[in-house]
């Protein structure tokens, strides 16, 4: 099961790249706000159906959650809006490199300082070298022209 849990984020990343590619042409014809609104509404409806099918009252979960636990929803909305706005300006591979860079920086800060109630995991020299290597590879990929 532990090996399978490493495959899930890889699949999620592939889905993000596919989502960006699929939405790019739609943004050009319909506009970024319409695409973001449709995608978020569809996701909300599907999650609501899933919660009701699983016997979970989503409103009880919201009522019992701490404010910091509710940060994910607005963050997803911002992500979706930002990605659709940049859909026709930045190439898909460059967009994904920038997304990965942002995720690495934020993930390192969350781990290092124990933000959002997570257990602190200080950055050691091996992790710093790993981040440096990932950053270098991202810069090499980003050398491709934008657009």
N, C-alpha and C. Protein backbone atom coordinates (compact mmCIF):
# COMPACT_ATOMS: atom_id res chain seq x y z
N UNK A 1 0.82 -1.21 0.00
CA UNK A 1 0.00 0.00 0.00
C UNK A 1 0.86 1.26 0.00
N UNK A 2 2.02 1.19 0.69
CA UNK A 2 2.89 2.37 0.75
C UNK A 2 3.41 2.74 -0.63
N UNK A 3 3.76 1.75 -1.44
CA UNK A 3 4.25 2.03 -2.79
C UNK A 3 3.15 2.65 -3.64
N UNK A 4 1.91 2.20 -3.45
CA UNK A 4 0.78 2.73 -4.20
C UNK A 4 0.55 4.20 -3.88
N UNK A 5 0.79 4.60 -2.63
CA UNK A 5 0.55 5.99 -2.23
C UNK A 5 1.52 6.95 -2.91
N UNK A 6 2.66 6.46 -3.42
CA UNK A 6 3.57 7.31 -4.18
C UNK A 6 3.07 7.51 -5.60
N UNK A 7 2.28 6.59 -6.10
CA UNK A 7 1.77 6.68 -7.46
C UNK A 7 0.63 7.71 -7.54
N UNK A 8 -0.14 7.86 -6.47
CA UNK A 8 -1.29 8.77 -6.48
C UNK A 8 -0.90 10.22 -6.77
N UNK A 9 0.12 10.80 -6.09
CA UNK A 9 0.50 12.18 -6.45
C UNK A 9 1.02 12.31 -7.87
N UNK A 10 1.70 11.27 -8.36
CA UNK A 10 2.16 11.28 -9.74
C UNK A 10 0.98 11.35 -10.71
N UNK A 11 -0.05 10.57 -10.42
CA UNK A 11 -1.27 10.59 -11.25
C UNK A 11 -1.96 11.96 -11.14
N UNK A 12 -1.99 12.53 -9.94
CA UNK A 12 -2.61 13.84 -9.76
C UNK A 12 -1.87 14.90 -10.58
N UNK A 13 -0.55 14.84 -10.60
CA UNK A 13 0.22 15.77 -11.41
C UNK A 13 -0.06 15.61 -12.89
N UNK A 14 -0.20 14.36 -13.33
CA UNK A 14 -0.52 14.12 -14.74
C UNK A 14 -1.91 14.67 -15.07
N UNK A 15 -2.84 14.53 -14.14
CA UNK A 15 -4.19 15.06 -14.36
C UNK A 15 -4.18 16.59 -14.43
N UNK A 16 -3.34 17.22 -13.62
CA UNK A 16 -3.24 18.69 -13.66
C UNK A 16 -2.75 19.12 -15.03
N UNK A 17 -1.72 18.44 -15.56
CA UNK A 17 -1.20 18.79 -16.87
C UNK A 17 -2.25 18.58 -17.95
N UNK A 18 -3.01 17.49 -17.85
CA UNK A 18 -4.07 17.22 -18.83
C UNK A 18 -5.17 18.28 -18.73
N UNK A 19 -5.51 18.66 -17.51
CA UNK A 19 -6.54 19.68 -17.30
C UNK A 19 -6.13 20.98 -17.97
N UNK A 20 -4.89 21.38 -17.79
CA UNK A 20 -4.41 22.62 -18.37
C UNK A 20 -4.49 22.58 -19.89
N UNK A 21 -4.07 21.46 -20.46
CA UNK A 21 -4.11 21.33 -21.92
C UNK A 21 -5.53 21.37 -22.45
N UNK A 22 -6.44 20.69 -21.77
CA UNK A 22 -7.83 20.64 -22.22
C UNK A 22 -8.52 22.00 -22.10
N UNK A 23 -8.15 22.77 -21.09
CA UNK A 23 -8.82 24.05 -20.87
C UNK A 23 -8.28 25.18 -21.73
N UNK A 24 -7.08 25.02 -22.28
CA UNK A 24 -6.46 26.12 -23.01
C UNK A 24 -7.32 26.60 -24.18
N UNK A 25 -7.79 25.72 -25.02
CA UNK A 25 -8.61 26.12 -26.17
C UNK A 25 -9.96 26.67 -25.73
N UNK A 26 -10.53 26.09 -24.68
CA UNK A 26 -11.82 26.57 -24.20
C UNK A 26 -11.70 27.98 -23.66
N UNK A 27 -10.59 28.28 -22.99
CA UNK A 27 -10.37 29.63 -22.46
C UNK A 27 -10.32 30.64 -23.60
N UNK A 28 -9.70 30.26 -24.70
CA UNK A 28 -9.59 31.18 -25.84
C UNK A 28 -10.96 31.52 -26.43
N UNK A 29 -11.91 30.58 -26.39
CA UNK A 29 -13.22 30.83 -26.99
C UNK A 29 -14.27 31.31 -25.98
N UNK A 30 -14.18 30.83 -24.74
CA UNK A 30 -15.21 31.15 -23.75
C UNK A 30 -14.78 32.14 -22.68
N UNK A 31 -13.49 32.29 -22.47
CA UNK A 31 -12.99 33.19 -21.43
C UNK A 31 -12.61 32.42 -20.18
N UNK A 32 -11.63 32.96 -19.45
CA UNK A 32 -11.08 32.24 -18.30
C UNK A 32 -12.07 32.13 -17.15
N UNK A 33 -12.86 33.18 -16.91
CA UNK A 33 -13.80 33.11 -15.79
C UNK A 33 -14.86 32.04 -16.03
N UNK A 34 -15.37 31.94 -17.25
CA UNK A 34 -16.40 30.94 -17.55
C UNK A 34 -15.86 29.53 -17.36
N UNK A 35 -14.63 29.30 -17.81
CA UNK A 35 -14.03 27.97 -17.65
C UNK A 35 -13.81 27.65 -16.18
N UNK A 36 -13.27 28.61 -15.42
CA UNK A 36 -13.04 28.37 -14.00
C UNK A 36 -14.35 28.14 -13.26
N UNK A 37 -15.36 28.92 -13.57
CA UNK A 37 -16.66 28.77 -12.92
C UNK A 37 -17.26 27.39 -13.21
N UNK A 38 -17.22 26.97 -14.47
CA UNK A 38 -17.76 25.67 -14.84
C UNK A 38 -17.00 24.54 -14.15
N UNK A 39 -15.66 24.60 -14.18
CA UNK A 39 -14.84 23.55 -13.58
C UNK A 39 -15.08 23.46 -12.07
N UNK A 40 -15.14 24.61 -11.40
CA UNK A 40 -15.34 24.59 -9.95
C UNK A 40 -16.75 24.12 -9.60
N UNK A 41 -17.75 24.55 -10.36
CA UNK A 41 -19.12 24.11 -10.10
C UNK A 41 -19.26 22.61 -10.30
N UNK A 42 -18.67 22.09 -11.35
CA UNK A 42 -18.71 20.65 -11.60
C UNK A 42 -18.01 19.89 -10.48
N UNK A 43 -16.85 20.37 -10.05
CA UNK A 43 -16.13 19.72 -8.96
C UNK A 43 -16.95 19.75 -7.67
N UNK A 44 -17.60 20.87 -7.38
CA UNK A 44 -18.43 20.98 -6.18
C UNK A 44 -19.57 19.97 -6.21
N UNK A 45 -20.26 19.89 -7.34
CA UNK A 45 -21.39 18.96 -7.46
C UNK A 45 -20.92 17.52 -7.31
N UNK A 46 -19.81 17.16 -7.96
CA UNK A 46 -19.30 15.80 -7.85
C UNK A 46 -18.88 15.46 -6.42
N UNK A 47 -18.24 16.40 -5.73
CA UNK A 47 -17.84 16.17 -4.34
C UNK A 47 -19.06 16.05 -3.43
N UNK A 48 -20.08 16.85 -3.69
CA UNK A 48 -21.31 16.76 -2.90
C UNK A 48 -21.99 15.41 -3.09
N UNK A 49 -22.06 14.95 -4.32
CA UNK A 49 -22.65 13.63 -4.60
C UNK A 49 -21.84 12.54 -3.91
N UNK A 50 -20.51 12.64 -3.99
CA UNK A 50 -19.65 11.65 -3.36
C UNK A 50 -19.85 11.65 -1.84
N UNK A 51 -19.92 12.82 -1.23
CA UNK A 51 -20.11 12.91 0.22
C UNK A 51 -21.46 12.32 0.63
N UNK A 52 -22.51 12.64 -0.11
CA UNK A 52 -23.83 12.10 0.23
C UNK A 52 -23.87 10.60 0.04
N UNK A 53 -23.22 10.09 -1.00
CA UNK A 53 -23.16 8.65 -1.24
C UNK A 53 -22.41 7.94 -0.11
N UNK A 54 -21.35 8.59 0.40
CA UNK A 54 -20.55 8.01 1.48
C UNK A 54 -21.19 8.21 2.85
N UNK A 55 -22.31 8.91 2.89
CA UNK A 55 -22.99 9.14 4.16
C UNK A 55 -22.36 10.23 5.01
N UNK A 56 -21.66 11.14 4.38
CA UNK A 56 -20.99 12.23 5.09
C UNK A 56 -21.81 13.50 4.90
N UNK A 57 -22.11 14.19 5.99
CA UNK A 57 -22.78 15.48 5.90
C UNK A 57 -21.71 16.55 5.75
N UNK A 58 -21.55 17.12 4.55
CA UNK A 58 -20.46 18.07 4.35
C UNK A 58 -20.59 19.33 5.21
N UNK A 59 -21.80 19.69 5.58
CA UNK A 59 -21.98 20.90 6.37
C UNK A 59 -21.56 20.69 7.82
N UNK A 60 -21.72 19.47 8.33
CA UNK A 60 -21.23 19.15 9.67
C UNK A 60 -19.71 19.18 9.68
N UNK A 61 -19.10 18.64 8.65
CA UNK A 61 -17.64 18.65 8.54
C UNK A 61 -17.13 20.09 8.51
N UNK A 62 -17.79 20.95 7.75
CA UNK A 62 -17.38 22.35 7.68
C UNK A 62 -17.52 23.04 9.03
N UNK A 63 -18.60 22.73 9.74
CA UNK A 63 -18.86 23.38 11.03
C UNK A 63 -17.82 22.97 12.07
N UNK A 64 -17.34 21.74 12.01
CA UNK A 64 -16.41 21.24 13.01
C UNK A 64 -14.95 21.53 12.68
N UNK A 65 -14.67 22.01 11.48
CA UNK A 65 -13.29 22.24 11.06
C UNK A 65 -12.74 23.55 11.62
N UNK A 66 -11.42 23.56 11.86
CA UNK A 66 -10.75 24.80 12.24
C UNK A 66 -10.60 25.67 10.99
N UNK A 67 -10.44 26.96 11.18
CA UNK A 67 -10.30 27.89 10.07
C UNK A 67 -9.13 27.49 9.18
N UNK A 68 -7.99 27.09 9.77
CA UNK A 68 -6.82 26.73 8.97
C UNK A 68 -7.08 25.51 8.09
N UNK A 69 -8.02 24.66 8.49
CA UNK A 69 -8.35 23.48 7.69
C UNK A 69 -9.22 23.83 6.49
N UNK A 70 -9.81 25.00 6.49
CA UNK A 70 -10.67 25.42 5.38
C UNK A 70 -9.90 26.20 4.31
N UNK A 71 -8.60 26.38 4.50
CA UNK A 71 -7.78 27.15 3.57
C UNK A 71 -7.70 26.50 2.19
N UNK A 72 -7.83 25.18 2.13
CA UNK A 72 -7.69 24.47 0.86
C UNK A 72 -8.70 24.86 -0.19
N UNK A 73 -9.95 25.12 0.21
CA UNK A 73 -10.98 25.49 -0.75
C UNK A 73 -10.68 26.78 -1.48
N UNK A 74 -10.46 27.89 -0.77
CA UNK A 74 -10.09 29.13 -1.45
C UNK A 74 -8.78 29.02 -2.22
N UNK A 75 -7.83 28.21 -1.72
CA UNK A 75 -6.57 28.04 -2.44
C UNK A 75 -6.82 27.35 -3.78
N UNK A 76 -7.71 26.37 -3.81
CA UNK A 76 -8.03 25.69 -5.07
C UNK A 76 -8.72 26.63 -6.05
N UNK A 77 -9.59 27.48 -5.53
CA UNK A 77 -10.27 28.45 -6.40
C UNK A 77 -9.24 29.39 -7.02
N UNK A 78 -8.32 29.90 -6.19
CA UNK A 78 -7.27 30.79 -6.71
C UNK A 78 -6.41 30.07 -7.73
N UNK A 79 -6.04 28.82 -7.45
CA UNK A 79 -5.23 28.05 -8.40
C UNK A 79 -5.95 27.91 -9.73
N UNK A 80 -7.19 27.54 -9.67
CA UNK A 80 -7.96 27.33 -10.90
C UNK A 80 -8.08 28.63 -11.70
N UNK A 81 -8.37 29.73 -11.02
CA UNK A 81 -8.47 31.02 -11.72
C UNK A 81 -7.14 31.44 -12.33
N UNK A 82 -6.06 31.31 -11.56
CA UNK A 82 -4.75 31.71 -12.06
C UNK A 82 -4.32 30.86 -13.26
N UNK A 83 -4.59 29.56 -13.20
CA UNK A 83 -4.20 28.68 -14.31
C UNK A 83 -5.02 28.97 -15.56
N UNK A 84 -6.29 29.25 -15.41
CA UNK A 84 -7.10 29.52 -16.60
C UNK A 84 -6.78 30.90 -17.19
N UNK A 85 -6.45 31.86 -16.35
CA UNK A 85 -6.07 33.19 -16.86
C UNK A 85 -4.78 33.10 -17.67
N UNK A 86 -3.84 32.27 -17.22
CA UNK A 86 -2.56 32.16 -17.94
C UNK A 86 -2.60 31.13 -19.06
N UNK A 87 -3.76 30.53 -19.31
CA UNK A 87 -3.85 29.41 -20.27
C UNK A 87 -3.36 29.76 -21.66
N UNK A 88 -3.67 30.94 -22.16
CA UNK A 88 -3.29 31.26 -23.53
C UNK A 88 -1.99 32.06 -23.62
N UNK A 89 -1.36 32.33 -22.49
CA UNK A 89 -0.16 33.16 -22.49
C UNK A 89 1.12 32.34 -22.30
N UNK A 90 1.06 31.33 -21.47
CA UNK A 90 2.23 30.54 -21.10
C UNK A 90 2.03 29.11 -21.61
N UNK A 91 3.09 28.52 -22.16
CA UNK A 91 2.97 27.15 -22.66
C UNK A 91 2.70 26.17 -21.52
N UNK A 92 2.14 25.03 -21.85
CA UNK A 92 1.77 24.05 -20.83
C UNK A 92 2.97 23.54 -20.03
N UNK A 93 4.07 23.24 -20.71
CA UNK A 93 5.23 22.73 -19.98
C UNK A 93 5.82 23.80 -19.07
N UNK A 94 5.86 25.04 -19.53
CA UNK A 94 6.35 26.12 -18.66
C UNK A 94 5.42 26.34 -17.48
N UNK A 95 4.12 26.25 -17.73
CA UNK A 95 3.15 26.40 -16.64
C UNK A 95 3.36 25.32 -15.58
N UNK A 96 3.55 24.09 -16.03
CA UNK A 96 3.74 23.00 -15.07
C UNK A 96 5.05 23.17 -14.30
N UNK A 97 6.10 23.65 -14.95
CA UNK A 97 7.36 23.91 -14.25
C UNK A 97 7.17 24.98 -13.17
N UNK A 98 6.43 26.01 -13.50
CA UNK A 98 6.18 27.07 -12.53
C UNK A 98 5.31 26.56 -11.38
N UNK A 99 4.33 25.71 -11.69
CA UNK A 99 3.49 25.12 -10.64
C UNK A 99 4.33 24.26 -9.71
N UNK A 100 5.19 23.43 -10.28
CA UNK A 100 6.06 22.57 -9.46
C UNK A 100 6.99 23.41 -8.59
N UNK A 101 7.54 24.49 -9.15
CA UNK A 101 8.41 25.37 -8.37
C UNK A 101 7.65 25.97 -7.18
N UNK A 102 6.44 26.46 -7.45
CA UNK A 102 5.63 27.02 -6.36
C UNK A 102 5.30 25.97 -5.31
N UNK A 103 4.99 24.75 -5.75
CA UNK A 103 4.67 23.68 -4.81
C UNK A 103 5.89 23.32 -3.96
N UNK A 104 7.07 23.27 -4.58
CA UNK A 104 8.28 22.95 -3.83
C UNK A 104 8.59 24.01 -2.78
N UNK A 105 8.48 25.26 -3.16
CA UNK A 105 8.77 26.34 -2.21
C UNK A 105 7.76 26.32 -1.06
N UNK A 106 6.47 26.23 -1.39
CA UNK A 106 5.46 26.23 -0.34
C UNK A 106 5.54 24.97 0.53
N UNK A 107 5.78 23.83 -0.12
CA UNK A 107 5.92 22.58 0.65
C UNK A 107 7.09 22.64 1.62
N UNK A 108 8.21 23.20 1.17
CA UNK A 108 9.38 23.33 2.05
C UNK A 108 9.08 24.26 3.23
N UNK A 109 8.40 25.36 2.97
CA UNK A 109 8.05 26.28 4.06
C UNK A 109 7.08 25.64 5.05
N UNK A 110 6.08 24.93 4.53
CA UNK A 110 5.11 24.26 5.41
C UNK A 110 5.81 23.22 6.26
N UNK A 111 6.68 22.41 5.64
CA UNK A 111 7.39 21.38 6.39
C UNK A 111 8.35 21.99 7.42
N UNK A 112 9.13 22.96 7.00
CA UNK A 112 10.17 23.52 7.86
C UNK A 112 9.58 24.21 9.10
N UNK A 113 8.52 24.97 8.91
CA UNK A 113 7.95 25.73 10.02
C UNK A 113 6.75 25.05 10.67
N UNK A 114 6.31 23.91 10.13
CA UNK A 114 5.16 23.21 10.71
C UNK A 114 3.88 24.02 10.58
N UNK A 115 3.69 24.65 9.42
CA UNK A 115 2.50 25.48 9.21
C UNK A 115 1.24 24.63 9.09
N UNK A 116 0.10 25.23 9.34
CA UNK A 116 -1.22 24.60 9.21
C UNK A 116 -1.36 23.37 10.11
N UNK A 117 -0.65 23.36 11.21
CA UNK A 117 -0.79 22.27 12.17
C UNK A 117 -0.02 21.01 11.82
N UNK A 118 0.88 21.08 10.83
CA UNK A 118 1.66 19.90 10.48
C UNK A 118 2.87 19.77 11.40
N UNK A 119 3.42 18.58 11.43
CA UNK A 119 4.61 18.32 12.24
C UNK A 119 5.81 18.95 11.54
N UNK A 120 6.59 19.81 12.26
CA UNK A 120 7.75 20.44 11.62
C UNK A 120 8.78 19.40 11.17
N UNK A 121 9.33 19.62 10.01
CA UNK A 121 10.35 18.74 9.44
C UNK A 121 11.43 19.66 8.89
N UNK A 122 12.44 19.91 9.71
CA UNK A 122 13.48 20.88 9.34
C UNK A 122 14.21 20.46 8.07
N UNK A 123 14.60 21.44 7.29
CA UNK A 123 15.33 21.20 6.06
C UNK A 123 16.80 20.98 6.41
N UNK A 124 17.33 19.80 6.08
CA UNK A 124 18.74 19.51 6.32
C UNK A 124 19.53 19.73 5.03
N UNK A 125 20.84 19.48 5.08
CA UNK A 125 21.68 19.78 3.92
C UNK A 125 21.36 18.87 2.73
N UNK A 126 20.94 17.61 2.98
CA UNK A 126 20.61 16.73 1.86
C UNK A 126 19.35 17.21 1.15
N UNK A 127 18.38 17.65 1.93
CA UNK A 127 17.15 18.18 1.34
C UNK A 127 17.44 19.46 0.56
N UNK A 128 18.29 20.30 1.11
CA UNK A 128 18.65 21.55 0.42
C UNK A 128 19.33 21.26 -0.91
N UNK A 129 20.22 20.27 -0.95
CA UNK A 129 20.88 19.90 -2.20
C UNK A 129 19.85 19.35 -3.19
N UNK A 130 18.90 18.55 -2.70
CA UNK A 130 17.84 18.04 -3.55
C UNK A 130 17.00 19.14 -4.16
N UNK A 131 16.63 20.14 -3.34
CA UNK A 131 15.87 21.28 -3.85
C UNK A 131 16.68 22.07 -4.87
N UNK A 132 17.98 22.21 -4.62
CA UNK A 132 18.84 22.92 -5.56
C UNK A 132 18.85 22.20 -6.90
N UNK A 133 19.00 20.87 -6.87
CA UNK A 133 19.01 20.08 -8.11
C UNK A 133 17.68 20.16 -8.85
N UNK A 134 16.58 20.09 -8.11
CA UNK A 134 15.26 20.23 -8.74
C UNK A 134 15.08 21.62 -9.33
N UNK A 135 15.54 22.62 -8.60
CA UNK A 135 15.44 23.99 -9.10
C UNK A 135 16.25 24.19 -10.38
N UNK A 136 17.44 23.60 -10.41
CA UNK A 136 18.27 23.70 -11.61
C UNK A 136 17.59 23.02 -12.80
N UNK A 137 17.01 21.84 -12.57
CA UNK A 137 16.33 21.16 -13.68
C UNK A 137 15.13 21.95 -14.16
N UNK A 138 14.41 22.56 -13.25
CA UNK A 138 13.27 23.39 -13.65
C UNK A 138 13.72 24.60 -14.46
N UNK A 139 14.84 25.21 -14.06
CA UNK A 139 15.36 26.35 -14.82
C UNK A 139 15.76 25.94 -16.23
N UNK A 140 16.35 24.75 -16.38
CA UNK A 140 16.73 24.28 -17.70
C UNK A 140 15.51 24.05 -18.58
N UNK A 141 14.45 23.54 -17.99
CA UNK A 141 13.20 23.33 -18.74
C UNK A 141 12.58 24.68 -19.09
N UNK A 142 12.62 25.64 -18.18
CA UNK A 142 12.02 26.95 -18.40
C UNK A 142 12.78 27.79 -19.43
N UNK A 143 13.96 27.37 -19.85
CA UNK A 143 14.71 28.10 -20.87
C UNK A 143 13.96 28.11 -22.20
N UNK A 144 13.01 27.18 -22.37
CA UNK A 144 12.21 27.17 -23.58
C UNK A 144 11.40 28.46 -23.64
N UNK A 145 11.11 28.94 -24.84
CA UNK A 145 10.36 30.21 -24.95
C UNK A 145 8.95 30.08 -24.40
N UNK A 146 8.48 31.18 -23.81
CA UNK A 146 7.10 31.24 -23.33
C UNK A 146 6.18 31.41 -24.52
N UNK A 147 4.91 31.01 -24.32
CA UNK A 147 3.91 31.24 -25.35
C UNK A 147 3.73 30.12 -26.31
